[in-house]
Amino acid sequence: MFVSSSAFHTQIADPIIGGTYLTLLNTISNLGGTWPRFFVLEGVDYFTKATCILPDPTEISTSLHKSLITAQSCHTEPEKADCLAAGGSCHKYVDGYYIVNTLCVLIGFSLFFGYIRPRVTKLQGINPTAWKIPMR
């Protein structure tokens, strides 16, 4: 994929400004593939459902037990650390990875067939000189 996008950028880059235009195109392309990772990883935490299974309450210190009673979920790392510190174990009953993966595949298919494919077909029909900067 990288080679094909670099070949496209090289083909449409204007030789007058050369490397600057090529760098701008590659930067925008790289940003387009990088920023969604944050939302995907946050979505995994959001859709993950896990419960802290505590040992017998008499075996836990009272201050730690009171904090765990209010938040018995352990789908985030701080909650998981609190649960493990109390001697409990996290039981994950819904893994958010599979939900986010399914959502991303559905969004990808709908974007590909609804927007990307028609747009790419239109861009392929443009004359290569239309990408160049006109000189007066």
N, C-alpha and C. Protein backbone atom coordinates (compact mmCIF):
# COMPACT_ATOMS: atom_id res chain seq x y z
N MET A 1 0.83 -1.19 0.00
CA MET A 1 0.00 0.00 0.00
C MET A 1 0.87 1.25 0.00
N PHE A 2 1.95 1.21 0.78
CA PHE A 2 2.83 2.38 0.84
C PHE A 2 3.46 2.66 -0.52
N VAL A 3 3.88 1.61 -1.20
CA VAL A 3 4.53 1.79 -2.51
C VAL A 3 3.54 2.36 -3.52
N SER A 4 2.30 1.86 -3.51
CA SER A 4 1.33 2.37 -4.48
C SER A 4 0.97 3.82 -4.20
N SER A 5 0.82 4.21 -2.92
CA SER A 5 0.50 5.61 -2.63
C SER A 5 1.70 6.50 -2.93
N SER A 6 2.91 6.02 -2.68
CA SER A 6 4.10 6.81 -3.02
C SER A 6 4.23 6.98 -4.54
N ALA A 7 3.91 5.92 -5.29
CA ALA A 7 3.96 6.02 -6.75
C ALA A 7 2.93 7.03 -7.25
N PHE A 8 1.74 7.02 -6.66
CA PHE A 8 0.72 8.00 -7.05
C PHE A 8 1.18 9.41 -6.73
N HIS A 9 1.73 9.62 -5.53
CA HIS A 9 2.20 10.96 -5.16
C HIS A 9 3.33 11.42 -6.06
N THR A 10 4.21 10.51 -6.43
CA THR A 10 5.31 10.86 -7.34
C THR A 10 4.78 11.22 -8.72
N GLN A 11 3.75 10.52 -9.16
CA GLN A 11 3.18 10.78 -10.48
C GLN A 11 2.50 12.14 -10.56
N ILE A 12 1.84 12.56 -9.49
CA ILE A 12 1.10 13.82 -9.55
C ILE A 12 1.89 15.00 -8.98
N ALA A 13 3.05 14.74 -8.35
CA ALA A 13 3.85 15.84 -7.78
C ALA A 13 4.36 16.75 -8.89
N ASP A 14 4.22 18.01 -8.66
CA ASP A 14 4.66 19.01 -9.63
C ASP A 14 6.17 19.17 -9.55
N PRO A 15 6.88 19.03 -10.66
CA PRO A 15 8.34 19.16 -10.61
C PRO A 15 8.82 20.56 -10.24
N ILE A 16 7.95 21.56 -10.36
CA ILE A 16 8.36 22.93 -10.02
C ILE A 16 8.64 23.06 -8.53
N ILE A 17 7.78 22.47 -7.71
CA ILE A 17 8.01 22.54 -6.26
C ILE A 17 8.42 21.19 -5.69
N GLY A 18 8.48 20.17 -6.51
CA GLY A 18 9.03 18.85 -6.24
C GLY A 18 8.82 18.26 -4.86
N GLY A 19 9.91 18.22 -4.09
CA GLY A 19 9.92 17.53 -2.81
C GLY A 19 8.97 18.10 -1.79
N THR A 20 8.72 19.41 -1.84
CA THR A 20 7.81 20.03 -0.87
C THR A 20 6.40 19.48 -1.05
N TYR A 21 5.93 19.41 -2.26
CA TYR A 21 4.60 18.91 -2.57
C TYR A 21 4.49 17.42 -2.22
N LEU A 22 5.54 16.68 -2.56
CA LEU A 22 5.57 15.25 -2.27
C LEU A 22 5.54 15.01 -0.77
N THR A 23 6.27 15.79 -0.01
CA THR A 23 6.27 15.67 1.45
C THR A 23 4.91 16.01 2.02
N LEU A 24 4.27 17.03 1.51
CA LEU A 24 2.93 17.40 1.98
C LEU A 24 1.92 16.29 1.73
N LEU A 25 1.95 15.72 0.54
CA LEU A 25 1.03 14.63 0.21
C LEU A 25 1.27 13.41 1.10
N ASN A 26 2.52 13.04 1.33
CA ASN A 26 2.83 11.89 2.19
C ASN A 26 2.44 12.16 3.64
N THR A 27 2.63 13.39 4.12
CA THR A 27 2.26 13.73 5.49
C THR A 27 0.76 13.62 5.69
N ILE A 28 -0.02 14.15 4.77
CA ILE A 28 -1.48 14.06 4.88
C ILE A 28 -1.93 12.61 4.82
N SER A 29 -1.30 11.83 3.96
CA SER A 29 -1.63 10.41 3.85
C SER A 29 -1.31 9.67 5.15
N ASN A 30 -0.16 9.96 5.76
CA ASN A 30 0.22 9.30 7.01
C ASN A 30 -0.70 9.71 8.16
N LEU A 31 -1.08 10.97 8.22
CA LEU A 31 -1.99 11.42 9.28
C LEU A 31 -3.36 10.77 9.14
N GLY A 32 -3.80 10.58 7.92
CA GLY A 32 -5.09 9.95 7.69
C GLY A 32 -5.16 8.52 8.18
N GLY A 33 -4.02 7.84 8.23
CA GLY A 33 -4.00 6.47 8.72
C GLY A 33 -3.64 6.35 10.18
N THR A 34 -3.20 7.44 10.82
CA THR A 34 -2.71 7.38 12.20
C THR A 34 -3.74 7.83 13.22
N TRP A 35 -4.45 8.92 12.99
CA TRP A 35 -5.31 9.49 14.04
C TRP A 35 -6.47 8.59 14.46
N PRO A 36 -7.02 7.71 13.61
CA PRO A 36 -8.13 6.87 14.08
C PRO A 36 -7.72 5.83 15.13
N ARG A 37 -6.44 5.53 15.26
CA ARG A 37 -5.99 4.52 16.23
C ARG A 37 -6.42 4.87 17.65
N PHE A 38 -6.36 6.14 18.01
CA PHE A 38 -6.76 6.56 19.36
C PHE A 38 -8.20 6.17 19.64
N PHE A 39 -9.08 6.46 18.70
CA PHE A 39 -10.50 6.17 18.90
C PHE A 39 -10.79 4.67 18.91
N VAL A 40 -10.06 3.93 18.11
CA VAL A 40 -10.24 2.47 18.09
C VAL A 40 -9.83 1.87 19.43
N LEU A 41 -8.69 2.29 19.95
CA LEU A 41 -8.23 1.75 21.23
C LEU A 41 -9.12 2.19 22.39
N GLU A 42 -9.63 3.41 22.34
CA GLU A 42 -10.58 3.85 23.37
C GLU A 42 -11.88 3.05 23.26
N GLY A 43 -12.28 2.73 22.05
CA GLY A 43 -13.50 1.94 21.85
C GLY A 43 -13.39 0.54 22.42
N VAL A 44 -12.19 -0.04 22.36
CA VAL A 44 -12.00 -1.37 22.95
C VAL A 44 -12.26 -1.31 24.45
N ASP A 45 -11.71 -0.30 25.12
CA ASP A 45 -11.98 -0.14 26.56
C ASP A 45 -13.45 0.13 26.83
N TYR A 46 -14.06 0.94 25.99
CA TYR A 46 -15.47 1.31 26.21
C TYR A 46 -16.40 0.10 26.12
N PHE A 47 -16.16 -0.76 25.15
CA PHE A 47 -17.04 -1.91 24.93
C PHE A 47 -16.67 -3.15 25.75
N THR A 48 -15.51 -3.12 26.39
CA THR A 48 -15.11 -4.26 27.22
C THR A 48 -15.89 -4.22 28.53
N LYS A 49 -16.44 -5.34 28.90
CA LYS A 49 -17.18 -5.47 30.17
C LYS A 49 -16.49 -6.53 31.01
N ALA A 50 -16.03 -6.14 32.19
CA ALA A 50 -15.35 -7.06 33.09
C ALA A 50 -15.77 -6.74 34.52
N THR A 51 -15.80 -7.76 35.34
CA THR A 51 -16.20 -7.62 36.73
C THR A 51 -15.07 -8.10 37.63
N CYS A 52 -14.88 -7.40 38.72
CA CYS A 52 -13.89 -7.78 39.71
C CYS A 52 -14.52 -8.79 40.66
N ILE A 53 -13.94 -9.96 40.73
CA ILE A 53 -14.42 -10.98 41.67
C ILE A 53 -13.51 -10.92 42.88
N LEU A 54 -14.08 -10.45 43.98
CA LEU A 54 -13.32 -10.23 45.20
C LEU A 54 -13.31 -11.47 46.08
N PRO A 55 -12.24 -11.61 46.85
CA PRO A 55 -12.25 -12.69 47.83
C PRO A 55 -13.18 -12.33 48.99
N ASP A 56 -13.18 -13.14 49.99
CA ASP A 56 -14.02 -12.92 51.16
C ASP A 56 -13.74 -11.52 51.74
N PRO A 57 -14.77 -10.68 51.98
CA PRO A 57 -14.56 -9.31 52.46
C PRO A 57 -13.81 -9.23 53.78
N THR A 58 -13.82 -10.26 54.58
CA THR A 58 -13.10 -10.19 55.87
C THR A 58 -11.60 -10.26 55.68
N GLU A 59 -11.14 -10.72 54.51
CA GLU A 59 -9.71 -10.84 54.25
C GLU A 59 -9.11 -9.56 53.66
N ILE A 60 -9.95 -8.58 53.31
CA ILE A 60 -9.47 -7.36 52.66
C ILE A 60 -9.50 -6.22 53.67
N SER A 61 -8.52 -5.33 53.57
CA SER A 61 -8.54 -4.16 54.44
C SER A 61 -9.79 -3.34 54.13
N THR A 62 -10.37 -2.72 55.14
CA THR A 62 -11.67 -2.05 54.99
C THR A 62 -11.62 -0.86 54.05
N SER A 63 -10.54 -0.06 54.07
CA SER A 63 -10.48 1.11 53.20
C SER A 63 -10.41 0.70 51.74
N LEU A 64 -9.64 -0.31 51.42
CA LEU A 64 -9.53 -0.78 50.04
C LEU A 64 -10.84 -1.43 49.60
N HIS A 65 -11.47 -2.16 50.51
CA HIS A 65 -12.73 -2.83 50.18
C HIS A 65 -13.82 -1.82 49.88
N LYS A 66 -13.87 -0.71 50.63
CA LYS A 66 -14.90 0.32 50.39
C LYS A 66 -14.72 0.95 49.01
N SER A 67 -13.46 1.15 48.61
CA SER A 67 -13.25 1.74 47.28
C SER A 67 -13.62 0.76 46.18
N LEU A 68 -13.44 -0.53 46.42
CA LEU A 68 -13.78 -1.52 45.41
C LEU A 68 -15.28 -1.78 45.32
N ILE A 69 -15.99 -1.58 46.41
CA ILE A 69 -17.43 -1.80 46.39
C ILE A 69 -18.10 -0.79 45.46
N THR A 70 -17.58 0.44 45.41
CA THR A 70 -18.18 1.45 44.56
C THR A 70 -17.91 1.22 43.08
N ALA A 71 -16.77 0.59 42.76
CA ALA A 71 -16.42 0.36 41.36
C ALA A 71 -15.98 -1.08 41.20
N GLN A 72 -16.90 -1.98 40.91
CA GLN A 72 -16.55 -3.38 40.76
C GLN A 72 -16.24 -3.74 39.31
N SER A 73 -16.27 -2.78 38.44
CA SER A 73 -15.88 -3.01 37.06
C SER A 73 -14.35 -3.00 37.01
N CYS A 74 -13.79 -3.75 36.10
CA CYS A 74 -12.32 -3.71 35.96
C CYS A 74 -11.92 -3.81 34.49
N HIS A 75 -12.56 -3.01 33.66
CA HIS A 75 -12.21 -3.04 32.24
C HIS A 75 -11.09 -2.07 31.87
N THR A 76 -10.75 -1.12 32.74
CA THR A 76 -9.61 -0.25 32.48
C THR A 76 -8.43 -0.69 33.33
N GLU A 77 -7.25 -0.27 32.96
CA GLU A 77 -6.04 -0.70 33.68
C GLU A 77 -6.01 -0.24 35.14
N PRO A 78 -6.40 1.02 35.48
CA PRO A 78 -6.39 1.39 36.90
C PRO A 78 -7.37 0.55 37.74
N GLU A 79 -8.55 0.30 37.19
CA GLU A 79 -9.52 -0.52 37.92
C GLU A 79 -9.02 -1.95 38.07
N LYS A 80 -8.36 -2.46 37.03
CA LYS A 80 -7.80 -3.81 37.10
C LYS A 80 -6.69 -3.89 38.14
N ALA A 81 -5.86 -2.85 38.21
CA ALA A 81 -4.78 -2.82 39.20
C ALA A 81 -5.36 -2.78 40.62
N ASP A 82 -6.43 -1.99 40.83
CA ASP A 82 -7.08 -1.94 42.14
C ASP A 82 -7.65 -3.30 42.52
N CYS A 83 -8.25 -3.96 41.57
CA CYS A 83 -8.85 -5.27 41.82
C CYS A 83 -7.78 -6.30 42.19
N LEU A 84 -6.69 -6.29 41.43
CA LEU A 84 -5.61 -7.24 41.71
C LEU A 84 -4.92 -6.92 43.03
N ALA A 85 -4.81 -5.62 43.38
CA ALA A 85 -4.21 -5.24 44.64
C ALA A 85 -5.05 -5.71 45.83
N ALA A 86 -6.33 -5.81 45.63
CA ALA A 86 -7.23 -6.27 46.69
C ALA A 86 -7.27 -7.79 46.76
N GLY A 87 -6.55 -8.45 45.88
CA GLY A 87 -6.53 -9.90 45.89
C GLY A 87 -7.64 -10.51 45.06
N GLY A 88 -8.32 -9.70 44.28
CA GLY A 88 -9.40 -10.20 43.44
C GLY A 88 -8.89 -10.61 42.08
N SER A 89 -9.80 -11.02 41.23
CA SER A 89 -9.45 -11.37 39.86
C SER A 89 -10.50 -10.77 38.92
N CYS A 90 -10.05 -10.36 37.76
CA CYS A 90 -10.97 -9.78 36.78
C CYS A 90 -11.54 -10.87 35.89
N HIS A 91 -12.85 -10.86 35.78
CA HIS A 91 -13.52 -11.80 34.89
C HIS A 91 -14.11 -10.99 33.74
N LYS A 92 -13.56 -11.18 32.54
CA LYS A 92 -14.01 -10.45 31.35
C LYS A 92 -15.10 -11.27 30.68
N TYR A 93 -16.30 -10.72 30.60
CA TYR A 93 -17.39 -11.45 29.96
C TYR A 93 -17.77 -10.89 28.61
N VAL A 94 -17.31 -9.70 28.26
CA VAL A 94 -17.46 -9.15 26.91
C VAL A 94 -16.13 -8.51 26.54
N ASP A 95 -15.53 -8.99 25.46
CA ASP A 95 -14.27 -8.42 24.99
C ASP A 95 -14.57 -7.37 23.93
N GLY A 96 -14.21 -6.13 24.21
CA GLY A 96 -14.50 -5.03 23.31
C GLY A 96 -13.78 -5.10 21.99
N TYR A 97 -12.70 -5.88 21.92
CA TYR A 97 -11.94 -5.99 20.68
C TYR A 97 -12.81 -6.50 19.53
N TYR A 98 -13.59 -7.52 19.80
CA TYR A 98 -14.41 -8.11 18.74
C TYR A 98 -15.53 -7.18 18.30
N ILE A 99 -16.08 -6.43 19.23
CA ILE A 99 -17.13 -5.47 18.88
C ILE A 99 -16.55 -4.34 18.02
N VAL A 100 -15.42 -3.78 18.46
CA VAL A 100 -14.79 -2.70 17.70
C VAL A 100 -14.32 -3.20 16.34
N ASN A 101 -13.80 -4.40 16.28
CA ASN A 101 -13.36 -4.98 15.02
C ASN A 101 -14.53 -5.10 14.04
N THR A 102 -15.66 -5.60 14.51
CA THR A 102 -16.85 -5.73 13.66
C THR A 102 -17.33 -4.36 13.20
N LEU A 103 -17.37 -3.39 14.11
CA LEU A 103 -17.80 -2.03 13.73
C LEU A 103 -16.87 -1.42 12.69
N CYS A 104 -15.56 -1.60 12.87
CA CYS A 104 -14.61 -1.04 11.91
C CYS A 104 -14.73 -1.67 10.54
N VAL A 105 -14.98 -2.98 10.48
CA VAL A 105 -15.16 -3.66 9.20
C VAL A 105 -16.42 -3.14 8.51
N LEU A 106 -17.51 -2.99 9.26
CA LEU A 106 -18.76 -2.48 8.67
C LEU A 106 -18.60 -1.04 8.19
N ILE A 107 -17.94 -0.20 8.99
CA ILE A 107 -17.70 1.19 8.59
C ILE A 107 -16.78 1.22 7.36
N GLY A 108 -15.76 0.35 7.33
CA GLY A 108 -14.84 0.30 6.20
C GLY A 108 -15.53 -0.08 4.91
N PHE A 109 -16.39 -1.11 4.96
CA PHE A 109 -17.12 -1.51 3.75
C PHE A 109 -18.06 -0.41 3.29
N SER A 110 -18.77 0.21 4.22
CA SER A 110 -19.70 1.25 3.80
C SER A 110 -18.97 2.46 3.24
N LEU A 111 -17.83 2.84 3.83
CA LEU A 111 -17.05 3.95 3.29
C LEU A 111 -16.45 3.60 1.93
N PHE A 112 -15.97 2.37 1.79
CA PHE A 112 -15.36 1.98 0.52
C PHE A 112 -16.35 2.04 -0.62
N PHE A 113 -17.51 1.40 -0.44
CA PHE A 113 -18.47 1.34 -1.53
C PHE A 113 -19.29 2.62 -1.67
N GLY A 114 -19.46 3.37 -0.60
CA GLY A 114 -20.26 4.59 -0.66
C GLY A 114 -19.50 5.84 -1.02
N TYR A 115 -18.19 5.89 -0.67
CA TYR A 115 -17.45 7.13 -0.89
C TYR A 115 -16.13 6.91 -1.63
N ILE A 116 -15.29 6.01 -1.13
CA ILE A 116 -13.93 5.89 -1.65
C ILE A 116 -13.90 5.41 -3.10
N ARG A 117 -14.62 4.34 -3.38
CA ARG A 117 -14.60 3.79 -4.74
C ARG A 117 -15.10 4.79 -5.78
N PRO A 118 -16.24 5.47 -5.57
CA PRO A 118 -16.65 6.46 -6.56
C PRO A 118 -15.66 7.63 -6.69
N ARG A 119 -15.07 8.05 -5.56
CA ARG A 119 -14.13 9.17 -5.59
C ARG A 119 -12.84 8.79 -6.34
N VAL A 120 -12.34 7.59 -6.08
CA VAL A 120 -11.12 7.14 -6.75
C VAL A 120 -11.37 6.99 -8.25
N THR A 121 -12.52 6.47 -8.61
CA THR A 121 -12.86 6.33 -10.03
C THR A 121 -12.88 7.70 -10.71
N LYS A 122 -13.42 8.69 -10.01
CA LYS A 122 -13.46 10.04 -10.56
C LYS A 122 -12.05 10.63 -10.67
N LEU A 123 -11.21 10.41 -9.65
CA LEU A 123 -9.85 10.95 -9.68
C LEU A 123 -9.00 10.29 -10.76
N GLN A 124 -9.27 9.02 -11.06
CA GLN A 124 -8.51 8.34 -12.10
C GLN A 124 -8.80 8.92 -13.48
N GLY A 125 -9.98 9.50 -13.63
CA GLY A 125 -10.35 10.08 -14.92
C GLY A 125 -9.81 11.47 -15.15
N ILE A 126 -9.22 12.09 -14.12
CA ILE A 126 -8.68 13.44 -14.26
C ILE A 126 -7.37 13.41 -15.03
N ASN A 127 -7.21 14.36 -15.91
CA ASN A 127 -5.98 14.50 -16.69
C ASN A 127 -4.82 14.81 -15.72
N PRO A 128 -3.67 14.14 -15.85
CA PRO A 128 -2.54 14.39 -14.95
C PRO A 128 -2.05 15.84 -14.93
N THR A 129 -2.31 16.59 -15.99
CA THR A 129 -1.87 17.99 -15.98
C THR A 129 -2.73 18.84 -15.04
N ALA A 130 -3.89 18.36 -14.65
CA ALA A 130 -4.75 19.10 -13.73
C ALA A 130 -4.13 19.17 -12.33
N TRP A 131 -3.20 18.29 -12.02
CA TRP A 131 -2.55 18.29 -10.71
C TRP A 131 -1.39 19.28 -10.65
N LYS A 132 -0.95 19.77 -11.79
CA LYS A 132 0.21 20.66 -11.86
C LYS A 132 -0.18 22.10 -11.56
N ILE A 133 0.80 22.87 -11.11
CA ILE A 133 0.58 24.29 -10.83
C ILE A 133 0.71 25.05 -12.15
N PRO A 134 -0.31 25.86 -12.50
CA PRO A 134 -0.22 26.59 -13.77
C PRO A 134 0.80 27.73 -13.67
N MET A 135 1.67 27.85 -14.67
CA MET A 135 2.65 28.93 -14.72
C MET A 135 2.12 30.03 -15.64
N ARG A 136 2.23 31.25 -15.18
CA ARG A 136 1.75 32.38 -15.98
C ARG A 136 2.87 33.10 -16.63
